[in-house]
Amino acid sequence: MESGTQQRTRPSIVVGQLIASGFTAFFLSFLIGEGVSEGFHGVTWEGIGLTAVMVFGTASVLVAWVDPALGSRLLFAAGIVLAAFVAVSAGSNRITAASVLSAPYLLSALAIWFGARRLARQDGPAAGA
């Protein structure tokens, strides 16, 4: 009986997890590629900050695959932190850059949260999300 409950999921949860995973993989490929080509010679505070934000984002994505309810909250926080970081470090078009770069985390957090809430309602009041 328990395995049937664990296998049940909502399509919005999976879509949110895939969006967050794809964005993180795409962004990390650029971050790692830039780090390999620059080495430690070109390290700036922006690079260190972006690395810290992406480590948090990556951890949030991993948590979202294991625990969607908690993962949605962490992805939302990662989106807010990324937006704030970009708004502080971007030269021009800060609002546009922050919005575009944080949107995948915020949208995936919303999709996962929505699916987790619906799944919790189906399971009853004992399973809160």
N, C-alpha and C. Protein backbone atom coordinates (compact mmCIF):
# COMPACT_ATOMS: atom_id res chain seq x y z
N MET A 1 0.82 -1.19 0.00
CA MET A 1 0.00 0.00 0.00
C MET A 1 0.86 1.26 0.00
N GLU A 2 1.94 1.23 0.77
CA GLU A 2 2.80 2.40 0.86
C GLU A 2 3.52 2.69 -0.45
N SER A 3 3.91 1.65 -1.20
CA SER A 3 4.61 1.88 -2.46
C SER A 3 3.72 2.56 -3.48
N GLY A 4 2.41 2.30 -3.46
CA GLY A 4 1.48 2.98 -4.36
C GLY A 4 1.40 4.46 -4.05
N THR A 5 1.46 4.83 -2.78
CA THR A 5 1.42 6.23 -2.39
C THR A 5 2.71 6.94 -2.80
N GLN A 6 3.84 6.27 -2.65
CA GLN A 6 5.10 6.89 -3.02
C GLN A 6 5.22 7.09 -4.52
N GLN A 7 4.63 6.22 -5.31
CA GLN A 7 4.74 6.34 -6.75
C GLN A 7 3.80 7.39 -7.32
N ARG A 8 2.77 7.76 -6.60
CA ARG A 8 1.84 8.77 -7.09
C ARG A 8 2.48 10.13 -7.09
N THR A 9 2.29 10.84 -8.16
CA THR A 9 2.81 12.20 -8.25
C THR A 9 1.91 12.98 -9.20
N ARG A 10 2.03 14.26 -9.16
CA ARG A 10 1.26 15.14 -10.03
C ARG A 10 2.14 15.57 -11.20
N PRO A 11 1.55 15.71 -12.38
CA PRO A 11 2.35 16.15 -13.53
C PRO A 11 3.02 17.51 -13.30
N SER A 12 2.36 18.41 -12.57
CA SER A 12 2.96 19.72 -12.33
C SER A 12 4.22 19.62 -11.48
N ILE A 13 4.29 18.63 -10.60
CA ILE A 13 5.50 18.43 -9.80
C ILE A 13 6.65 18.03 -10.70
N VAL A 14 6.40 17.07 -11.58
CA VAL A 14 7.44 16.59 -12.48
C VAL A 14 7.88 17.70 -13.43
N VAL A 15 6.93 18.46 -13.96
CA VAL A 15 7.28 19.57 -14.85
C VAL A 15 8.14 20.59 -14.12
N GLY A 16 7.76 20.94 -12.89
CA GLY A 16 8.56 21.88 -12.11
C GLY A 16 9.95 21.36 -11.83
N GLN A 17 10.05 20.08 -11.49
CA GLN A 17 11.35 19.48 -11.23
C GLN A 17 12.23 19.49 -12.49
N LEU A 18 11.61 19.20 -13.63
CA LEU A 18 12.38 19.18 -14.89
C LEU A 18 12.82 20.59 -15.30
N ILE A 19 11.96 21.59 -15.11
CA ILE A 19 12.33 22.97 -15.42
C ILE A 19 13.51 23.41 -14.56
N ALA A 20 13.40 23.16 -13.26
CA ALA A 20 14.48 23.56 -12.34
C ALA A 20 15.77 22.80 -12.64
N SER A 21 15.66 21.52 -12.93
CA SER A 21 16.85 20.72 -13.24
C SER A 21 17.50 21.18 -14.53
N GLY A 22 16.70 21.42 -15.55
CA GLY A 22 17.24 21.87 -16.83
C GLY A 22 17.92 23.22 -16.72
N PHE A 23 17.28 24.16 -16.03
CA PHE A 23 17.87 25.49 -15.86
C PHE A 23 19.18 25.39 -15.09
N THR A 24 19.18 24.60 -14.03
CA THR A 24 20.38 24.47 -13.21
C THR A 24 21.51 23.83 -14.01
N ALA A 25 21.21 22.78 -14.75
CA ALA A 25 22.25 22.13 -15.57
C ALA A 25 22.79 23.09 -16.62
N PHE A 26 21.91 23.83 -17.27
CA PHE A 26 22.31 24.78 -18.30
C PHE A 26 23.21 25.87 -17.70
N PHE A 27 22.78 26.43 -16.57
CA PHE A 27 23.53 27.51 -15.94
C PHE A 27 24.86 26.99 -15.39
N LEU A 28 24.85 25.81 -14.78
CA LEU A 28 26.10 25.24 -14.24
C LEU A 28 27.10 24.93 -15.34
N SER A 29 26.62 24.54 -16.52
CA SER A 29 27.56 24.26 -17.60
C SER A 29 28.33 25.52 -17.99
N PHE A 30 27.65 26.66 -18.00
CA PHE A 30 28.34 27.92 -18.29
C PHE A 30 29.26 28.32 -17.14
N LEU A 31 28.78 28.16 -15.92
CA LEU A 31 29.57 28.53 -14.75
C LEU A 31 30.84 27.70 -14.66
N ILE A 32 30.71 26.39 -14.86
CA ILE A 32 31.88 25.50 -14.81
C ILE A 32 32.81 25.78 -15.99
N GLY A 33 32.24 25.96 -17.17
CA GLY A 33 33.05 26.27 -18.34
C GLY A 33 33.84 27.55 -18.17
N GLU A 34 33.21 28.56 -17.62
CA GLU A 34 33.90 29.83 -17.37
C GLU A 34 35.00 29.65 -16.33
N GLY A 35 34.71 28.86 -15.29
CA GLY A 35 35.71 28.61 -14.26
C GLY A 35 36.91 27.86 -14.78
N VAL A 36 36.67 26.90 -15.67
CA VAL A 36 37.78 26.12 -16.23
C VAL A 36 38.63 27.00 -17.15
N SER A 37 37.98 27.83 -17.95
CA SER A 37 38.75 28.66 -18.89
C SER A 37 39.49 29.80 -18.19
N GLU A 38 38.91 30.35 -17.13
CA GLU A 38 39.53 31.47 -16.42
C GLU A 38 40.53 31.00 -15.37
N GLY A 39 40.27 29.86 -14.75
CA GLY A 39 41.10 29.41 -13.65
C GLY A 39 40.85 30.27 -12.42
N PHE A 40 41.80 30.29 -11.52
CA PHE A 40 41.66 31.09 -10.31
C PHE A 40 42.17 32.51 -10.49
N HIS A 41 42.68 32.83 -11.65
CA HIS A 41 43.24 34.16 -11.89
C HIS A 41 42.17 35.22 -12.00
N GLY A 42 41.03 34.88 -12.57
CA GLY A 42 39.99 35.87 -12.81
C GLY A 42 38.85 35.81 -11.81
N VAL A 43 39.10 35.35 -10.59
CA VAL A 43 38.04 35.22 -9.59
C VAL A 43 37.64 36.61 -9.09
N THR A 44 36.33 36.87 -9.14
CA THR A 44 35.77 38.14 -8.67
C THR A 44 34.71 37.84 -7.62
N TRP A 45 34.26 38.88 -6.96
CA TRP A 45 33.21 38.67 -5.96
C TRP A 45 31.91 38.24 -6.64
N GLU A 46 31.69 38.69 -7.89
CA GLU A 46 30.50 38.25 -8.61
C GLU A 46 30.55 36.75 -8.89
N GLY A 47 31.72 36.26 -9.26
CA GLY A 47 31.88 34.83 -9.52
C GLY A 47 31.67 33.99 -8.28
N ILE A 48 32.22 34.47 -7.16
CA ILE A 48 32.05 33.75 -5.90
C ILE A 48 30.58 33.78 -5.47
N GLY A 49 29.95 34.94 -5.59
CA GLY A 49 28.54 35.05 -5.22
C GLY A 49 27.65 34.19 -6.10
N LEU A 50 27.89 34.21 -7.40
CA LEU A 50 27.10 33.40 -8.32
C LEU A 50 27.30 31.92 -8.06
N THR A 51 28.51 31.53 -7.74
CA THR A 51 28.77 30.13 -7.40
C THR A 51 28.00 29.74 -6.15
N ALA A 52 28.00 30.59 -5.13
CA ALA A 52 27.26 30.29 -3.91
C ALA A 52 25.76 30.18 -4.17
N VAL A 53 25.24 31.09 -4.97
CA VAL A 53 23.81 31.05 -5.30
C VAL A 53 23.47 29.78 -6.07
N MET A 54 24.32 29.39 -7.00
CA MET A 54 24.05 28.19 -7.79
C MET A 54 24.23 26.91 -6.99
N VAL A 55 25.11 26.92 -6.00
CA VAL A 55 25.21 25.76 -5.11
C VAL A 55 23.91 25.62 -4.32
N PHE A 56 23.38 26.74 -3.84
CA PHE A 56 22.09 26.71 -3.14
C PHE A 56 20.98 26.27 -4.08
N GLY A 57 20.99 26.76 -5.32
CA GLY A 57 19.99 26.36 -6.31
C GLY A 57 20.07 24.88 -6.62
N THR A 58 21.28 24.36 -6.76
CA THR A 58 21.47 22.94 -7.04
C THR A 58 20.97 22.09 -5.88
N ALA A 59 21.29 22.49 -4.66
CA ALA A 59 20.79 21.77 -3.49
C ALA A 59 19.26 21.82 -3.44
N SER A 60 18.68 22.94 -3.80
CA SER A 60 17.23 23.08 -3.80
C SER A 60 16.58 22.15 -4.82
N VAL A 61 17.20 22.02 -5.98
CA VAL A 61 16.69 21.11 -7.01
C VAL A 61 16.74 19.67 -6.52
N LEU A 62 17.84 19.29 -5.91
CA LEU A 62 17.96 17.93 -5.39
C LEU A 62 16.91 17.65 -4.32
N VAL A 63 16.69 18.61 -3.44
CA VAL A 63 15.66 18.44 -2.41
C VAL A 63 14.28 18.35 -3.05
N ALA A 64 14.04 19.12 -4.11
CA ALA A 64 12.73 19.09 -4.78
C ALA A 64 12.42 17.71 -5.36
N TRP A 65 13.44 16.98 -5.77
CA TRP A 65 13.20 15.63 -6.29
C TRP A 65 12.87 14.65 -5.17
N VAL A 66 13.40 14.89 -3.97
CA VAL A 66 13.17 13.99 -2.84
C VAL A 66 11.91 14.38 -2.06
N ASP A 67 11.77 15.66 -1.77
CA ASP A 67 10.64 16.18 -0.99
C ASP A 67 10.08 17.41 -1.71
N PRO A 68 9.08 17.21 -2.57
CA PRO A 68 8.57 18.34 -3.36
C PRO A 68 8.05 19.51 -2.52
N ALA A 69 7.42 19.24 -1.40
CA ALA A 69 6.87 20.33 -0.58
C ALA A 69 7.98 21.24 -0.07
N LEU A 70 9.03 20.67 0.49
CA LEU A 70 10.16 21.46 0.97
C LEU A 70 10.95 22.03 -0.21
N GLY A 71 11.11 21.24 -1.26
CA GLY A 71 11.86 21.68 -2.43
C GLY A 71 11.25 22.90 -3.09
N SER A 72 9.92 22.98 -3.12
CA SER A 72 9.28 24.15 -3.72
C SER A 72 9.61 25.41 -2.95
N ARG A 73 9.66 25.30 -1.64
CA ARG A 73 10.01 26.47 -0.81
C ARG A 73 11.47 26.88 -1.02
N LEU A 74 12.34 25.88 -1.10
CA LEU A 74 13.76 26.18 -1.32
C LEU A 74 14.00 26.77 -2.71
N LEU A 75 13.29 26.25 -3.71
CA LEU A 75 13.43 26.80 -5.06
C LEU A 75 12.93 28.24 -5.12
N PHE A 76 11.85 28.52 -4.41
CA PHE A 76 11.36 29.90 -4.35
C PHE A 76 12.42 30.81 -3.73
N ALA A 77 13.01 30.33 -2.62
CA ALA A 77 14.07 31.11 -1.97
C ALA A 77 15.27 31.28 -2.90
N ALA A 78 15.63 30.23 -3.63
CA ALA A 78 16.75 30.32 -4.58
C ALA A 78 16.44 31.34 -5.67
N GLY A 79 15.21 31.38 -6.14
CA GLY A 79 14.82 32.36 -7.15
C GLY A 79 14.91 33.78 -6.63
N ILE A 80 14.48 33.99 -5.40
CA ILE A 80 14.56 35.33 -4.79
C ILE A 80 16.02 35.74 -4.59
N VAL A 81 16.84 34.81 -4.08
CA VAL A 81 18.26 35.11 -3.85
C VAL A 81 18.96 35.40 -5.18
N LEU A 82 18.66 34.61 -6.21
CA LEU A 82 19.27 34.84 -7.52
C LEU A 82 18.84 36.19 -8.08
N ALA A 83 17.57 36.53 -7.94
CA ALA A 83 17.08 37.83 -8.44
C ALA A 83 17.77 38.98 -7.71
N ALA A 84 17.90 38.85 -6.39
CA ALA A 84 18.57 39.90 -5.62
C ALA A 84 20.03 40.02 -6.01
N PHE A 85 20.70 38.89 -6.18
CA PHE A 85 22.12 38.92 -6.56
C PHE A 85 22.30 39.57 -7.93
N VAL A 86 21.46 39.20 -8.89
CA VAL A 86 21.58 39.77 -10.23
C VAL A 86 21.25 41.25 -10.20
N ALA A 87 20.25 41.65 -9.41
CA ALA A 87 19.90 43.07 -9.32
C ALA A 87 21.04 43.89 -8.75
N VAL A 88 21.79 43.31 -7.84
CA VAL A 88 22.91 44.03 -7.24
C VAL A 88 24.13 44.05 -8.17
N SER A 89 24.38 42.95 -8.86
CA SER A 89 25.62 42.85 -9.64
C SER A 89 25.48 43.21 -11.11
N ALA A 90 24.27 43.27 -11.63
CA ALA A 90 24.09 43.59 -13.06
C ALA A 90 24.40 45.06 -13.31
N GLY A 91 24.98 45.32 -14.46
CA GLY A 91 25.33 46.70 -14.81
C GLY A 91 24.13 47.51 -15.26
N SER A 92 23.42 47.01 -16.27
CA SER A 92 22.25 47.72 -16.77
C SER A 92 21.12 46.71 -16.93
N ASN A 93 19.93 47.23 -17.08
CA ASN A 93 18.74 46.38 -17.20
C ASN A 93 18.62 45.41 -16.02
N ARG A 94 18.82 45.91 -14.84
CA ARG A 94 18.82 45.06 -13.65
C ARG A 94 17.51 44.32 -13.46
N ILE A 95 16.41 45.00 -13.62
CA ILE A 95 15.11 44.37 -13.38
C ILE A 95 14.85 43.29 -14.41
N THR A 96 15.18 43.56 -15.66
CA THR A 96 14.98 42.57 -16.71
C THR A 96 15.87 41.35 -16.48
N ALA A 97 17.13 41.59 -16.19
CA ALA A 97 18.06 40.48 -15.97
C ALA A 97 17.65 39.65 -14.76
N ALA A 98 17.26 40.29 -13.68
CA ALA A 98 16.84 39.58 -12.47
C ALA A 98 15.58 38.77 -12.75
N SER A 99 14.66 39.35 -13.49
CA SER A 99 13.41 38.65 -13.79
C SER A 99 13.64 37.43 -14.67
N VAL A 100 14.44 37.61 -15.70
CA VAL A 100 14.68 36.51 -16.64
C VAL A 100 15.44 35.37 -15.97
N LEU A 101 16.46 35.70 -15.20
CA LEU A 101 17.28 34.65 -14.60
C LEU A 101 16.61 33.95 -13.42
N SER A 102 15.74 34.63 -12.71
CA SER A 102 15.08 33.99 -11.57
C SER A 102 13.78 33.30 -11.95
N ALA A 103 13.23 33.60 -13.11
CA ALA A 103 11.94 33.05 -13.53
C ALA A 103 11.89 31.52 -13.53
N PRO A 104 12.91 30.81 -14.02
CA PRO A 104 12.80 29.34 -14.01
C PRO A 104 12.65 28.77 -12.60
N TYR A 105 13.38 29.30 -11.64
CA TYR A 105 13.24 28.81 -10.26
C TYR A 105 11.88 29.18 -9.67
N LEU A 106 11.44 30.40 -9.92
CA LEU A 106 10.16 30.83 -9.37
C LEU A 106 9.00 30.06 -9.99
N LEU A 107 9.03 29.86 -11.30
CA LEU A 107 7.96 29.11 -11.97
C LEU A 107 7.96 27.64 -11.57
N SER A 108 9.13 27.05 -11.46
CA SER A 108 9.19 25.65 -11.04
C SER A 108 8.74 25.50 -9.58
N ALA A 109 9.09 26.46 -8.74
CA ALA A 109 8.64 26.42 -7.35
C ALA A 109 7.11 26.48 -7.28
N LEU A 110 6.52 27.33 -8.10
CA LEU A 110 5.06 27.45 -8.13
C LEU A 110 4.41 26.16 -8.63
N ALA A 111 4.95 25.57 -9.69
CA ALA A 111 4.39 24.33 -10.22
C ALA A 111 4.50 23.18 -9.22
N ILE A 112 5.65 23.06 -8.59
CA ILE A 112 5.84 21.98 -7.61
C ILE A 112 4.95 22.21 -6.39
N TRP A 113 4.87 23.43 -5.92
CA TRP A 113 4.03 23.75 -4.77
C TRP A 113 2.57 23.43 -5.07
N PHE A 114 2.11 23.83 -6.25
CA PHE A 114 0.73 23.57 -6.64
C PHE A 114 0.45 22.07 -6.66
N GLY A 115 1.33 21.29 -7.27
CA GLY A 115 1.15 19.84 -7.33
C GLY A 115 1.23 19.19 -5.96
N ALA A 116 2.14 19.64 -5.12
CA ALA A 116 2.27 19.07 -3.77
C ALA A 116 1.03 19.38 -2.93
N ARG A 117 0.49 20.57 -3.08
CA ARG A 117 -0.74 20.93 -2.35
C ARG A 117 -1.91 20.06 -2.79
N ARG A 118 -2.05 19.87 -4.10
CA ARG A 118 -3.15 19.04 -4.61
C ARG A 118 -2.99 17.60 -4.18
N LEU A 119 -1.77 17.10 -4.18
CA LEU A 119 -1.50 15.74 -3.75
C LEU A 119 -1.79 15.58 -2.27
N ALA A 120 -1.44 16.59 -1.47
CA ALA A 120 -1.71 16.53 -0.04
C ALA A 120 -3.21 16.55 0.24
N ARG A 121 -3.95 17.30 -0.53
CA ARG A 121 -5.42 17.33 -0.35
C ARG A 121 -6.03 15.99 -0.70
N GLN A 122 -5.49 15.31 -1.69
CA GLN A 122 -6.01 13.99 -2.05
C GLN A 122 -5.70 12.96 -0.97
N ASP A 123 -4.54 13.08 -0.33
CA ASP A 123 -4.13 12.14 0.70
C ASP A 123 -4.85 12.37 2.02
N GLY A 124 -5.40 13.55 2.21
CA GLY A 124 -6.12 13.85 3.44
C GLY A 124 -5.38 14.81 4.32
N PRO A 125 -5.98 15.16 5.47
CA PRO A 125 -5.38 16.18 6.34
C PRO A 125 -4.10 15.73 7.02
N ALA A 126 -3.82 14.44 7.09
CA ALA A 126 -2.61 13.98 7.77
C ALA A 126 -1.35 14.31 6.99
N ALA A 127 -1.45 14.44 5.68
CA ALA A 127 -0.28 14.73 4.85
C ALA A 127 -0.29 16.19 4.46
N GLY A 128 0.39 17.03 5.22
CA GLY A 128 0.40 18.46 4.94
C GLY A 128 1.55 18.85 4.04
N ALA A 129 1.30 19.85 3.17
CA ALA A 129 2.37 20.34 2.30
C ALA A 129 2.56 21.81 2.50
